[in-house]
Amino acid sequence: MARQLFLLFRHSRSAARRSRFDRYIPCRIPLIESPLDKTDNPPRLYRQADATPIELFFDLFFVANLSTFTASNDINSLEALWSYVCFLGIIWFTWLQVTLFDIRFARDSVFERVCKAVQLATMVGFASTGSGFATRVLPENLWIFHSLTLLLAISRLMLTLEYFIASVYLPSDTAFNLRCVTLFMFLNSLIYIALYFLFNDRAASIGSQIWILWWFQFAAETFVVMVKTDELPGIGFEDTHLNVRMGLLTLIIIGDGIISVTRIVNRTVGNGWTRWSFVHIFGVTISVYLLWQSYFDITPTEKLGKLRQKIWTCLHFPLHAVLILLSEGMQILALTLDVSLKLKSLRDIILSACGVTRPSASDAVDSINKTITGFGIDFTHGAMEGKYAIQGLLWDLRHQARLCPSEMESGSLNIERSHDIMGNVTVALFSSMGITPPDGHTTAKRSDHLLTMYLRMFGFVFLYYFIVAALAMFMFAAFIFLVNHDPTKRVLRIGATGTRVVAGFSLLSIIALVSNFDLAYKYMTNPIILFTVALALLICLLSDQLWHALAFYYAGFEAESGNDIELDAIPTNT
């Protein structure tokens, strides 16, 4: 009996050890994991219900790359705007290709983590080229295009390897299609490598914009990956979390607009809050909030058809570009309003120096100097020349025999001297806030030339801001048309789409103000400019409630009329 107990004791201990060992087996990361979920019969691709941590981590690298590029590049000219859009396209389509693979085939494994580390490294490499990226291939930026095309090749080679490994685990009929994608990715990466040799000192003779070939490759690889998913069931996007991934990236990009708000606060509230600084920041904040609400109110809550899913996905690139440009435009306009208020106060001080109740010359100069000092200008941000010019002008005013001109005598504070003070303070204020004219246009010395440069730049910002705002409305209209395909939502789809189209054309018509300088200047220096887009978004959101009510009423009316419209109709797969 004792022996039996001894044996039972040894057997029980061994089982306990095995139990503890088995408990740790699921925690071990496999070398390579099959994309198939073999618990189903027949096996199908393993589907994630939500974004994985590594996918979210990859999104953070994307937005960090974008924020770095934004911080080092100002959108102050048409060339700068296209540079911004082109660089966004490079990182966005790279993100898209990685995402289209991850949502279908990626499973946590050592191999997948190594691949993701390489993709993250390419994002870091993209960031290293952002500060000098331009739309023309020149000898001084040749290394940037060499680096970019090699990084694109590495990213696609890594996707080639991932697609090949995934195809090994798939059935033969499905694997063939995936190997076609693998072959195309490999050929595409070879084209990227071939472009490396086209970026040379003779690139100008071939074409300084030869990098546009990248865009044809982006379009081709996106087309091939999406078309191949339609040919066989099981490898498409219908049951994936692609909508979640797009929504999260859009949320991060809209959230990047919050960085613009904090920048405005940092640059305009340095000396404390004022009534107008609160109004300006509130205008930007409410615009960002309504952009968020306008997008997520129309995100799909049910499956989209194959074609509509692809269109919906591809439309996110222009949407993301528009959202980023909107946030940058709002930032510049808000800072411009703050500068205009400061310049108005300086103008009033200069006019009072030679007004009806004239102070002494010394007191007048002290008052001008105190006003400029109160602006809190950080002259170290590219405004040292302006600082010396302002100091020289004030020194001359202080040591002249007569300050104010009269009908009989001339004075030192004449119109030309006043314009010089205003011009140099204007340049110093904008430079301290990080707003500068395009490169090659900063050599002007006269105050009128300086002011003309900034007026041209703000005219450009005014134009592109309302153009991209109108495009945002058109994008939202397209999303509503794609998402609300249920026959019972016909009224909602037509009404909400039409409202946004009308709002888009209304915003587009505002650019006609540039034909009247006085009217455009008054509008640009009025806080209402920051609330215009917010007002258009609010009208669209409020009108949606009306269209929802009408759609519900219409569906009930049709049901009573016997037209066989069900409230929960299954959307078609088109």
Protein backbone atom coordinates (compact mmCIF):
# COMPACT_ATOMS: atom_id res chain seq x y z
CA MET A 1 0.00 0.00 0.00
CA ALA A 2 2.86 2.28 0.84
CA ARG A 3 4.49 1.44 -2.43
CA GLN A 4 1.33 2.28 -4.29
CA LEU A 5 1.13 5.61 -2.55
CA PHE A 6 4.73 6.30 -3.47
CA LEU A 7 4.03 5.52 -7.09
CA LEU A 8 0.94 7.68 -7.06
CA PHE A 9 2.94 10.52 -5.58
CA ARG A 10 5.58 10.33 -8.31
CA HIS A 11 2.91 10.12 -11.00
CA SER A 12 1.02 13.12 -9.62
CA ARG A 13 4.18 15.21 -9.53
CA SER A 14 5.00 14.42 -13.12
CA ALA A 15 1.49 15.43 -14.23
CA ALA A 16 1.82 18.72 -12.38
CA ARG A 17 5.10 19.44 -14.13
CA ARG A 18 3.54 18.67 -17.48
CA SER A 19 0.64 20.93 -16.64
CA ARG A 20 2.94 23.81 -15.86
CA PHE A 21 4.94 23.15 -19.02
CA ASP A 22 1.81 23.00 -21.19
CA ARG A 23 0.63 26.25 -19.67
CA TYR A 24 3.67 28.06 -21.10
CA ILE A 25 3.50 26.50 -24.57
CA PRO A 26 0.93 29.04 -25.91
CA CYS A 27 3.19 31.87 -24.76
CA ARG A 28 6.03 30.74 -26.99
CA ILE A 29 6.29 32.74 -30.21
CA PRO A 30 6.51 30.41 -33.22
CA LEU A 31 9.19 30.90 -35.81
CA ILE A 32 6.61 31.15 -38.62
CA GLU A 33 2.85 31.04 -38.15
CA SER A 34 0.33 29.87 -40.72
CA PRO A 35 -2.24 32.48 -41.77
CA LEU A 36 -4.94 29.78 -41.77
CA ASP A 37 -7.36 29.20 -38.94
CA LYS A 38 -7.49 25.39 -38.92
CA THR A 39 -10.25 25.23 -36.32
CA ASP A 40 -12.70 25.83 -39.17
CA ASN A 41 -13.57 23.20 -41.73
CA PRO A 42 -12.46 23.89 -44.38
CA PRO A 43 -9.59 26.04 -43.06
CA ARG A 44 -9.85 29.75 -43.79
CA LEU A 45 -7.70 32.81 -43.17
CA TYR A 46 -7.45 33.78 -39.54
CA ARG A 47 -9.36 37.03 -39.04
CA GLN A 48 -8.59 39.70 -36.47
CA ALA A 49 -11.56 41.61 -35.12
CA ASP A 50 -9.47 44.65 -34.28
CA ALA A 51 -6.07 46.19 -34.93
CA THR A 52 -3.13 44.38 -33.35
CA PRO A 53 -0.53 46.16 -31.20
CA ILE A 54 2.13 45.91 -33.91
CA GLU A 55 -0.28 47.49 -36.43
CA LEU A 56 -0.93 50.38 -34.05
CA PHE A 57 2.81 50.73 -33.52
CA PHE A 58 3.30 50.94 -37.27
CA ASP A 59 0.63 53.66 -37.45
CA LEU A 60 2.55 55.68 -34.86
CA PHE A 61 5.68 55.49 -37.01
CA PHE A 62 3.63 56.77 -39.94
CA VAL A 63 2.24 59.78 -38.10
CA ALA A 64 5.61 60.53 -36.46
CA ASN A 65 7.15 60.57 -39.93
CA LEU A 66 4.42 62.90 -41.12
CA SER A 67 4.78 65.24 -38.13
CA THR A 68 8.53 65.47 -38.67
CA PHE A 69 8.04 66.41 -42.30
CA THR A 70 5.40 68.98 -41.34
CA ALA A 71 7.69 70.58 -38.76
CA SER A 72 10.54 70.99 -41.27
CA ASN A 73 8.52 72.13 -44.31
CA ASP A 74 6.22 75.13 -44.64
CA ILE A 75 3.33 75.10 -47.11
CA ASN A 76 3.93 78.61 -48.43
CA SER A 77 3.98 78.04 -52.19
CA LEU A 78 2.51 75.76 -54.82
CA GLU A 79 5.77 73.84 -55.12
CA ALA A 80 5.88 73.31 -51.35
CA LEU A 81 2.29 72.07 -51.41
CA TRP A 82 3.04 69.51 -54.13
CA SER A 83 6.15 68.42 -52.25
CA TYR A 84 3.98 67.83 -49.22
CA VAL A 85 1.41 65.79 -51.14
CA CYS A 86 4.09 63.76 -52.93
CA PHE A 87 5.97 62.88 -49.76
CA LEU A 88 2.67 61.94 -48.12
CA GLY A 89 1.97 59.66 -51.09
CA ILE A 90 5.28 57.85 -50.63
CA ILE A 91 4.69 56.98 -46.99
CA TRP A 92 0.91 56.50 -47.37
CA PHE A 93 1.06 53.94 -50.17
CA THR A 94 3.85 52.12 -48.35
CA TRP A 95 1.62 52.02 -45.28
CA LEU A 96 -1.29 50.82 -47.45
CA GLN A 97 0.64 47.89 -48.95
CA VAL A 98 1.84 46.76 -45.53
CA THR A 99 -1.70 47.07 -44.17
CA LEU A 100 -3.31 45.13 -47.04
CA PHE A 101 -1.00 42.24 -46.23
CA ASP A 102 -1.28 42.44 -42.45
CA ILE A 103 -5.08 42.40 -42.25
CA ARG A 104 -5.22 39.10 -44.16
CA PHE A 105 -2.05 37.09 -43.60
CA ALA A 106 -0.03 38.48 -40.69
CA ARG A 107 0.19 36.27 -37.57
CA ASP A 108 2.43 36.94 -34.63
CA SER A 109 5.70 35.07 -35.14
CA VAL A 110 9.44 35.65 -35.07
CA PHE A 111 9.47 35.97 -38.85
CA GLU A 112 6.64 38.50 -38.87
CA ARG A 113 8.29 40.58 -36.15
CA VAL A 114 11.52 40.71 -38.12
CA CYS A 115 9.62 41.78 -41.24
CA LYS A 116 7.82 44.47 -39.29
CA ALA A 117 11.12 45.73 -37.88
CA VAL A 118 12.38 46.18 -41.45
CA GLN A 119 9.21 48.05 -42.43
CA LEU A 120 9.57 50.31 -39.39
CA ALA A 121 13.18 50.95 -40.38
CA THR A 122 12.03 52.06 -43.84
CA MET A 123 9.70 54.58 -42.18
CA VAL A 124 12.64 55.94 -40.22
CA GLY A 125 14.58 56.13 -43.48
CA PHE A 126 11.77 58.12 -45.07
CA ALA A 127 11.96 60.60 -42.20
CA SER A 128 15.65 61.21 -42.91
CA THR A 129 14.80 62.48 -46.41
CA GLY A 130 11.89 64.74 -45.48
CA SER A 131 13.75 67.95 -44.73
CA GLY A 132 15.26 68.22 -48.22
CA PHE A 133 12.54 66.63 -50.32
CA ALA A 134 11.48 68.61 -53.38
CA THR A 135 9.52 67.99 -56.55
CA ARG A 136 12.57 68.39 -58.80
CA VAL A 137 15.65 66.21 -59.05
CA LEU A 138 18.66 68.47 -58.58
CA PRO A 139 22.33 67.67 -57.92
CA GLU A 140 22.04 68.88 -54.31
CA ASN A 141 19.09 66.61 -53.48
CA LEU A 142 20.11 63.61 -55.57
CA TRP A 143 20.91 61.56 -52.46
CA ILE A 144 17.32 62.00 -51.27
CA PHE A 145 15.87 60.33 -54.37
CA HIS A 146 18.52 57.60 -54.20
CA SER A 147 17.55 56.92 -50.60
CA LEU A 148 13.82 56.97 -51.26
CA THR A 149 13.90 54.59 -54.21
CA LEU A 150 16.10 52.13 -52.28
CA LEU A 151 13.79 52.31 -49.27
CA LEU A 152 10.79 51.67 -51.51
CA ALA A 153 12.60 48.69 -53.05
CA ILE A 154 13.43 47.25 -49.62
CA SER A 155 9.84 47.64 -48.47
CA ARG A 156 8.48 45.83 -51.54
CA LEU A 157 11.12 43.10 -51.34
CA MET A 158 10.06 42.44 -47.77
CA LEU A 159 6.42 42.25 -48.88
CA THR A 160 7.50 39.85 -51.63
CA LEU A 161 8.99 37.54 -49.03
CA GLU A 162 5.93 37.82 -46.79
CA TYR A 163 3.51 37.06 -49.62
CA PHE A 164 5.60 34.07 -50.69
CA ILE A 165 5.69 32.59 -47.19
CA ALA A 166 1.93 33.10 -46.83
CA SER A 167 1.27 31.38 -50.17
CA VAL A 168 3.07 28.24 -48.96
CA TYR A 169 0.32 27.62 -46.40
CA LEU A 170 -2.61 28.24 -48.74
CA PRO A 171 -4.40 25.70 -50.95
CA SER A 172 -2.97 25.39 -54.44
CA ASP A 173 -5.79 27.25 -56.23
CA THR A 174 -5.62 30.21 -53.84
CA ALA A 175 -1.83 30.11 -53.62
CA PHE A 176 -1.52 30.68 -57.37
CA ASN A 177 -3.19 34.08 -57.17
CA LEU A 178 -1.09 35.05 -54.20
CA ARG A 179 2.08 34.02 -55.99
CA CYS A 180 1.05 36.26 -58.88
CA VAL A 181 0.98 39.13 -56.39
CA THR A 182 4.35 37.93 -55.07
CA LEU A 183 5.85 37.98 -58.56
CA PHE A 184 4.47 41.44 -59.25
CA MET A 185 5.86 42.80 -55.97
CA PHE A 186 9.25 41.36 -56.84
CA LEU A 187 9.21 42.90 -60.33
CA ASN A 188 8.05 46.20 -58.87
CA SER A 189 10.94 46.22 -56.42
CA LEU A 190 13.34 45.64 -59.33
CA ILE A 191 11.84 48.69 -61.07
CA TYR A 192 12.50 50.75 -57.95
CA ILE A 193 16.11 49.59 -58.02
CA ALA A 194 16.36 50.44 -61.73
CA LEU A 195 15.12 53.95 -60.99
CA TYR A 196 18.06 54.34 -58.64
CA PHE A 197 20.36 54.50 -61.66
CA LEU A 198 18.12 57.01 -63.45
CA PHE A 199 18.55 59.45 -60.58
CA ASN A 200 21.95 60.81 -61.59
CA ASP A 201 23.60 64.04 -62.68
CA ARG A 202 21.91 63.74 -66.07
CA ALA A 203 18.44 63.46 -64.53
CA ALA A 204 17.67 67.06 -65.52
CA SER A 205 18.14 66.18 -69.19
CA ILE A 206 15.91 63.11 -68.83
CA GLY A 207 13.36 64.97 -66.75
CA SER A 208 13.69 66.60 -63.35
CA GLN A 209 10.37 65.04 -62.33
CA ILE A 210 11.20 61.48 -63.29
CA TRP A 211 10.18 60.41 -59.78
CA ILE A 212 6.56 60.64 -61.01
CA LEU A 213 7.14 57.05 -62.20
CA TRP A 214 6.78 56.10 -58.54
CA TRP A 215 3.13 57.10 -58.69
CA PHE A 216 2.48 54.75 -61.60
CA GLN A 217 4.05 51.99 -59.52
CA PHE A 218 1.90 52.90 -56.51
CA ALA A 219 -1.22 52.72 -58.66
CA ALA A 220 -0.17 49.47 -60.34
CA GLU A 221 0.66 47.61 -57.13
CA THR A 222 -2.55 48.77 -55.46
CA PHE A 223 -4.57 47.69 -58.51
CA VAL A 224 -2.94 44.24 -58.69
CA VAL A 225 -3.31 43.51 -54.97
CA MET A 226 -6.96 44.57 -54.93
CA VAL A 227 -7.96 42.88 -58.20
CA LYS A 228 -6.41 39.53 -57.25
CA THR A 229 -8.50 39.48 -54.08
CA ASP A 230 -11.67 39.31 -56.21
CA GLU A 231 -10.70 36.28 -58.25
CA LEU A 232 -10.88 33.73 -55.44
CA PRO A 233 -12.88 33.79 -52.20
CA GLY A 234 -11.13 33.73 -48.88
CA ILE A 235 -8.34 36.23 -49.52
CA GLY A 236 -10.46 39.35 -49.96
CA PHE A 237 -11.08 42.26 -47.62
CA GLU A 238 -14.75 41.59 -46.80
CA ASP A 239 -14.20 39.92 -43.43
CA THR A 240 -11.08 41.85 -42.45
CA HIS A 241 -10.66 44.83 -40.16
CA LEU A 242 -9.64 47.12 -43.04
CA ASN A 243 -12.34 49.61 -42.08
CA VAL A 244 -10.95 49.71 -38.56
CA ARG A 245 -7.41 50.28 -39.83
CA MET A 246 -8.49 53.14 -42.09
CA GLY A 247 -10.56 54.66 -39.33
CA LEU A 248 -7.68 54.52 -36.86
CA LEU A 249 -5.25 56.14 -39.28
CA THR A 250 -7.80 58.86 -40.04
CA LEU A 251 -8.27 59.41 -36.32
CA ILE A 252 -4.51 59.77 -35.85
CA ILE A 253 -4.27 62.22 -38.76
CA ILE A 254 -7.17 64.30 -37.43
CA GLY A 255 -5.51 64.13 -34.03
CA ASP A 256 -2.38 65.52 -35.63
CA GLY A 257 -4.46 68.66 -36.14
CA ILE A 258 -4.54 68.95 -32.35
CA ILE A 259 -0.79 69.49 -32.56
CA SER A 260 -1.57 72.56 -34.67
CA VAL A 261 -3.82 73.81 -31.88
CA THR A 262 -1.09 73.38 -29.28
CA ARG A 263 1.39 75.15 -31.55
CA ILE A 264 -1.00 78.09 -31.85
CA VAL A 265 -1.42 78.20 -28.07
CA ASN A 266 2.33 78.09 -27.58
CA ARG A 267 2.96 80.91 -30.05
CA THR A 268 0.07 83.26 -29.29
CA VAL A 269 -0.58 82.90 -25.56
CA GLY A 270 2.98 83.41 -24.40
CA ASN A 271 2.04 86.62 -22.58
CA GLY A 272 -1.32 85.39 -21.29
CA TRP A 273 -4.78 84.79 -22.69
CA THR A 274 -6.74 87.54 -24.36
CA ARG A 275 -10.27 87.67 -25.68
CA TRP A 276 -9.14 87.31 -29.27
CA SER A 277 -6.60 84.56 -28.62
CA PHE A 278 -9.41 82.54 -27.03
CA VAL A 279 -11.63 83.15 -30.07
CA HIS A 280 -8.90 82.12 -32.52
CA ILE A 281 -7.99 78.93 -30.67
CA PHE A 282 -11.65 78.04 -30.16
CA GLY A 283 -12.24 78.42 -33.90
CA VAL A 284 -9.44 76.00 -34.76
CA THR A 285 -10.44 73.55 -32.03
CA ILE A 286 -14.10 73.41 -33.04
CA SER A 287 -13.10 72.93 -36.69
CA VAL A 288 -10.91 69.93 -35.83
CA TYR A 289 -13.65 68.48 -33.64
CA LEU A 290 -16.30 68.80 -36.36
CA LEU A 291 -13.93 67.23 -38.91
CA TRP A 292 -13.63 64.24 -36.61
CA GLN A 293 -17.39 64.03 -36.15
CA SER A 294 -18.07 64.49 -39.88
CA TYR A 295 -15.86 61.50 -40.74
CA PHE A 296 -16.84 59.04 -38.04
CA ASP A 297 -20.56 59.72 -38.44
CA ILE A 298 -20.34 58.27 -41.95
CA THR A 299 -17.95 55.36 -41.42
CA PRO A 300 -19.38 52.01 -42.55
CA THR A 301 -21.10 49.99 -39.84
CA GLU A 302 -21.80 47.03 -42.12
CA LYS A 303 -20.01 45.17 -44.88
CA LEU A 304 -19.35 47.05 -48.07
CA GLY A 305 -19.43 45.36 -51.44
CA LYS A 306 -16.19 44.42 -53.14
CA LEU A 307 -16.09 47.38 -55.52
CA ARG A 308 -17.33 49.91 -52.98
CA GLN A 309 -14.80 48.64 -50.44
CA LYS A 310 -11.92 49.29 -52.84
CA ILE A 311 -13.17 52.75 -53.83
CA TRP A 312 -13.75 53.64 -50.18
CA THR A 313 -10.21 52.56 -49.31
CA CYS A 314 -8.48 54.40 -52.15
CA LEU A 315 -10.40 57.62 -51.47
CA HIS A 316 -8.69 57.82 -48.09
CA PHE A 317 -5.47 59.05 -49.63
CA PRO A 318 -6.94 62.31 -50.98
CA LEU A 319 -8.99 62.61 -47.78
CA HIS A 320 -5.91 62.32 -45.58
CA ALA A 321 -4.02 64.82 -47.74
CA VAL A 322 -6.93 67.25 -47.49
CA LEU A 323 -7.22 66.86 -43.71
CA ILE A 324 -3.52 67.54 -43.21
CA LEU A 325 -3.54 70.58 -45.48
CA LEU A 326 -6.64 71.89 -43.70
CA SER A 327 -4.97 71.72 -40.30
CA GLU A 328 -1.86 73.45 -41.62
CA GLY A 329 -3.95 76.15 -43.29
CA MET A 330 -5.94 76.74 -40.11
CA GLN A 331 -2.71 77.14 -38.17
CA ILE A 332 -1.34 79.77 -40.57
CA LEU A 333 -4.63 81.68 -40.68
CA ALA A 334 -4.93 81.72 -36.88
CA LEU A 335 -1.38 83.00 -36.48
CA THR A 336 -2.05 85.61 -39.17
CA LEU A 337 -5.04 86.87 -37.20
CA ASP A 338 -2.91 87.18 -34.08
CA VAL A 339 -0.23 89.11 -35.98
CA SER A 340 -2.80 91.40 -37.59
CA LEU A 341 -4.17 92.38 -34.17
CA LYS A 342 -0.68 93.18 -32.93
CA LEU A 343 0.05 95.25 -36.02
CA LYS A 344 -3.19 97.19 -35.55
CA SER A 345 -2.17 98.08 -32.00
CA LEU A 346 1.28 99.18 -33.23
CA ARG A 347 -0.31 101.27 -35.97
CA ASP A 348 -2.52 103.01 -33.41
CA ILE A 349 0.51 103.80 -31.23
CA ILE A 350 2.42 105.25 -34.19
CA LEU A 351 -0.57 107.39 -35.21
CA SER A 352 -1.06 108.63 -31.64
CA ALA A 353 2.57 109.80 -31.57
CA CYS A 354 1.61 112.54 -34.00
CA GLY A 355 -2.05 112.84 -33.05
CA VAL A 356 -3.99 115.71 -31.56
CA THR A 357 -2.62 115.15 -28.06
CA ARG A 358 0.99 114.59 -28.92
CA PRO A 359 3.32 113.17 -26.28
CA SER A 360 6.93 114.24 -26.17
CA ALA A 361 9.27 112.71 -28.73
CA SER A 362 10.99 110.63 -26.06
CA ASP A 363 7.70 109.36 -24.64
CA ALA A 364 6.39 108.56 -28.13
CA VAL A 365 9.46 106.49 -29.01
CA ASP A 366 9.33 104.77 -25.61
CA SER A 367 5.68 103.91 -26.22
CA ILE A 368 6.47 102.42 -29.64
CA ASN A 369 9.37 100.46 -28.18
CA LYS A 370 7.24 99.20 -25.27
CA THR A 371 4.52 98.05 -27.65
CA ILE A 372 6.97 96.11 -29.81
CA THR A 373 8.60 94.58 -26.74
CA GLY A 374 5.17 93.53 -25.44
CA PHE A 375 4.63 91.38 -28.53
CA GLY A 376 7.13 88.90 -27.11
CA ILE A 377 8.94 88.44 -30.42
CA ASP A 378 11.59 85.71 -30.39
CA PHE A 379 14.11 87.34 -32.73
CA THR A 380 16.40 84.29 -32.61
CA HIS A 381 14.04 82.47 -35.00
CA GLY A 382 15.36 84.07 -38.18
CA ALA A 383 14.49 87.65 -37.23
CA MET A 384 17.82 89.08 -36.07
CA GLU A 385 18.09 91.36 -39.12
CA GLY A 386 14.64 92.69 -38.33
CA LYS A 387 15.66 93.30 -34.73
CA TYR A 388 18.69 95.37 -35.75
CA ALA A 389 16.59 97.29 -38.29
CA ILE A 390 13.93 98.11 -35.68
CA GLN A 391 16.55 99.19 -33.16
CA GLY A 392 18.19 101.42 -35.76
CA LEU A 393 14.88 103.03 -36.72
CA LEU A 394 13.95 103.76 -33.10
CA TRP A 395 17.45 105.13 -32.39
CA ASP A 396 17.12 107.52 -35.34
CA LEU A 397 13.70 108.68 -34.15
CA ARG A 398 15.00 109.33 -30.66
CA HIS A 399 17.93 111.46 -31.85
CA GLN A 400 16.15 113.55 -34.49
CA ALA A 401 15.35 117.18 -33.74
CA ARG A 402 11.72 116.90 -34.77
CA LEU A 403 9.58 113.77 -34.58
CA CYS A 404 6.26 114.69 -36.22
CA PRO A 405 6.10 116.38 -39.63
CA SER A 406 3.99 119.48 -40.20
CA GLU A 407 2.97 121.62 -43.16
CA MET A 408 6.03 123.79 -42.69
CA GLU A 409 8.65 121.31 -41.50
CA SER A 410 9.48 117.70 -42.10
CA GLY A 411 9.69 115.20 -39.25
CA SER A 412 11.50 111.94 -38.71
CA LEU A 413 8.29 109.91 -38.17
CA ASN A 414 7.01 110.28 -41.72
CA ILE A 415 5.00 107.79 -43.75
CA GLU A 416 8.07 106.04 -45.13
CA ARG A 417 9.64 105.63 -41.67
CA SER A 418 6.32 104.36 -40.27
CA HIS A 419 6.07 101.79 -43.06
CA ASP A 420 9.64 100.67 -42.36
CA ILE A 421 8.81 100.06 -38.71
CA MET A 422 5.60 98.22 -39.56
CA GLY A 423 7.30 96.13 -42.27
CA ASN A 424 10.19 95.01 -40.09
CA VAL A 425 7.91 94.22 -37.15
CA THR A 426 5.66 92.23 -39.49
CA VAL A 427 8.58 90.13 -40.73
CA ALA A 428 9.87 89.64 -37.19
CA LEU A 429 6.46 88.52 -35.90
CA PHE A 430 5.90 86.00 -38.67
CA SER A 431 9.48 84.73 -38.53
CA SER A 432 9.24 84.17 -34.78
CA MET A 433 6.12 82.07 -35.40
CA GLY A 434 7.82 79.97 -38.06
CA ILE A 435 5.98 81.52 -41.01
CA THR A 436 8.36 82.58 -43.76
CA PRO A 437 8.00 83.27 -47.50
CA PRO A 438 9.21 80.64 -49.96
CA ASP A 439 12.95 80.16 -50.42
CA GLY A 440 14.37 82.55 -52.94
CA HIS A 441 11.85 85.27 -52.05
CA THR A 442 13.36 86.47 -48.79
CA THR A 443 15.97 88.88 -50.12
CA ALA A 444 13.77 91.97 -50.16
CA LYS A 445 14.90 94.79 -47.88
CA ARG A 446 12.34 97.54 -48.39
CA SER A 447 9.30 97.41 -46.15
CA ASP A 448 6.81 97.58 -49.01
CA HIS A 449 8.53 94.65 -50.70
CA LEU A 450 8.48 92.67 -47.46
CA LEU A 451 4.78 93.28 -46.99
CA THR A 452 4.08 92.37 -50.62
CA MET A 453 5.87 89.03 -50.16
CA TYR A 454 3.77 88.13 -47.15
CA LEU A 455 0.55 89.27 -48.78
CA ARG A 456 1.25 87.01 -51.76
CA MET A 457 2.00 84.10 -49.46
CA PHE A 458 -1.21 84.61 -47.48
CA GLY A 459 -3.16 84.94 -50.70
CA PHE A 460 -1.86 81.51 -51.68
CA VAL A 461 -2.76 80.06 -48.25
CA PHE A 462 -6.23 81.60 -48.55
CA LEU A 463 -6.74 79.95 -51.93
CA TYR A 464 -5.52 76.47 -51.05
CA TYR A 465 -7.29 76.47 -47.67
CA PHE A 466 -10.74 76.91 -49.15
CA ILE A 467 -9.97 74.63 -52.10
CA VAL A 468 -9.00 71.75 -49.80
CA ALA A 469 -11.98 72.57 -47.54
CA ALA A 470 -14.26 72.17 -50.56
CA LEU A 471 -12.48 68.93 -51.49
CA ALA A 472 -13.07 67.65 -47.95
CA MET A 473 -16.80 68.24 -48.41
CA PHE A 474 -16.73 66.39 -51.74
CA MET A 475 -14.86 63.48 -50.09
CA PHE A 476 -17.46 63.25 -47.33
CA ALA A 477 -20.20 63.31 -49.97
CA ALA A 478 -18.53 60.42 -51.81
CA PHE A 479 -18.23 58.42 -48.59
CA ILE A 480 -21.92 58.90 -47.80
CA PHE A 481 -22.85 57.76 -51.30
CA LEU A 482 -20.68 54.63 -50.95
CA VAL A 483 -21.63 53.69 -47.40
CA ASN A 484 -25.39 54.27 -47.45
CA HIS A 485 -26.24 51.82 -50.21
CA ASP A 486 -29.26 50.37 -48.43
CA PRO A 487 -32.44 51.01 -50.49
CA THR A 488 -34.18 52.19 -47.31
CA LYS A 489 -31.59 54.97 -47.00
CA ARG A 490 -32.11 56.40 -50.45
CA VAL A 491 -33.45 59.70 -49.10
CA LEU A 492 -30.58 59.99 -46.62
CA ARG A 493 -27.99 59.20 -49.29
CA ILE A 494 -29.33 61.73 -51.77
CA GLY A 495 -30.02 64.46 -49.22
CA ALA A 496 -26.78 64.18 -47.22
CA THR A 497 -24.68 63.87 -50.37
CA GLY A 498 -26.36 66.88 -51.94
CA THR A 499 -25.91 68.98 -48.79
CA ARG A 500 -22.18 68.35 -48.76
CA VAL A 501 -21.82 69.02 -52.47
CA VAL A 502 -23.59 72.37 -52.04
CA ALA A 503 -21.41 73.17 -49.02
CA GLY A 504 -18.31 72.30 -51.05
CA PHE A 505 -19.22 74.62 -53.89
CA SER A 506 -20.09 77.35 -51.38
CA LEU A 507 -16.62 77.10 -49.85
CA LEU A 508 -15.09 77.04 -53.31
CA SER A 509 -16.88 80.27 -54.22
CA ILE A 510 -15.16 82.11 -51.36
CA ILE A 511 -11.89 82.16 -53.31
CA ALA A 512 -13.54 84.68 -55.64
CA LEU A 513 -12.84 87.26 -52.92
CA VAL A 514 -9.21 87.45 -54.08
CA SER A 515 -10.38 89.58 -56.99
CA ASN A 516 -11.19 92.34 -54.48
CA PHE A 517 -8.12 93.04 -52.34
CA ASP A 518 -9.87 95.18 -49.73
CA LEU A 519 -12.66 92.67 -49.22
CA ALA A 520 -10.26 89.72 -49.09
CA TYR A 521 -8.00 91.52 -46.60
CA LYS A 522 -10.93 92.33 -44.30
CA TYR A 523 -12.11 88.73 -44.45
CA MET A 524 -8.63 87.31 -43.81
CA THR A 525 -8.13 89.54 -40.76
CA ASN A 526 -11.55 88.71 -39.29
CA PRO A 527 -11.97 85.72 -36.95
CA ILE A 528 -14.96 84.55 -39.00
CA ILE A 529 -12.50 82.99 -41.45
CA LEU A 530 -11.65 80.35 -38.83
CA PHE A 531 -15.32 79.52 -38.27
CA THR A 532 -16.34 79.32 -41.94
CA VAL A 533 -15.40 75.67 -42.44
CA ALA A 534 -16.74 74.78 -38.99
CA LEU A 535 -20.05 76.41 -39.86
CA ALA A 536 -20.29 74.44 -43.12
CA LEU A 537 -19.55 71.18 -41.28
CA LEU A 538 -22.10 71.99 -38.58
CA ILE A 539 -24.82 72.69 -41.16
CA CYS A 540 -24.12 69.33 -42.82
CA LEU A 541 -24.24 67.45 -39.51
CA LEU A 542 -27.49 69.12 -38.45
CA SER A 543 -29.07 68.50 -41.85
CA ASP A 544 -28.20 64.80 -41.51
CA GLN A 545 -30.68 64.56 -38.65
CA LEU A 546 -33.38 65.92 -40.94
CA TRP A 547 -32.48 63.48 -43.70
CA HIS A 548 -32.47 60.58 -41.21
CA ALA A 549 -36.00 61.50 -40.10
CA LEU A 550 -37.20 61.84 -43.70
CA ALA A 551 -35.59 58.51 -44.65
CA PHE A 552 -37.33 56.76 -41.76
CA TYR A 553 -40.66 58.35 -42.66
CA TYR A 554 -40.23 57.49 -46.35
CA ALA A 555 -39.33 53.86 -45.55
CA GLY A 556 -42.43 53.52 -43.39
CA PHE A 557 -44.58 55.10 -46.08
CA GLU A 558 -43.21 52.73 -48.73
CA ALA A 559 -43.80 49.74 -46.45
CA GLU A 560 -47.43 50.77 -45.91
CA SER A 561 -47.81 51.19 -49.67
CA GLY A 562 -46.69 47.59 -50.18
CA ASN A 563 -43.49 48.29 -52.11
CA ASP A 564 -41.57 45.50 -50.32
CA ILE A 565 -38.79 47.64 -48.84
CA GLU A 566 -37.39 46.07 -45.69
CA LEU A 567 -35.81 48.23 -43.05
CA ASP A 568 -32.92 45.81 -42.60
CA ALA A 569 -32.19 44.98 -46.22
CA ILE A 570 -28.87 43.24 -46.85
CA PRO A 571 -26.59 45.42 -48.99
CA THR A 572 -25.64 44.14 -52.39
CA ASN A 573 -22.11 42.89 -53.00
CA THR A 574 -21.22 45.50 -55.62
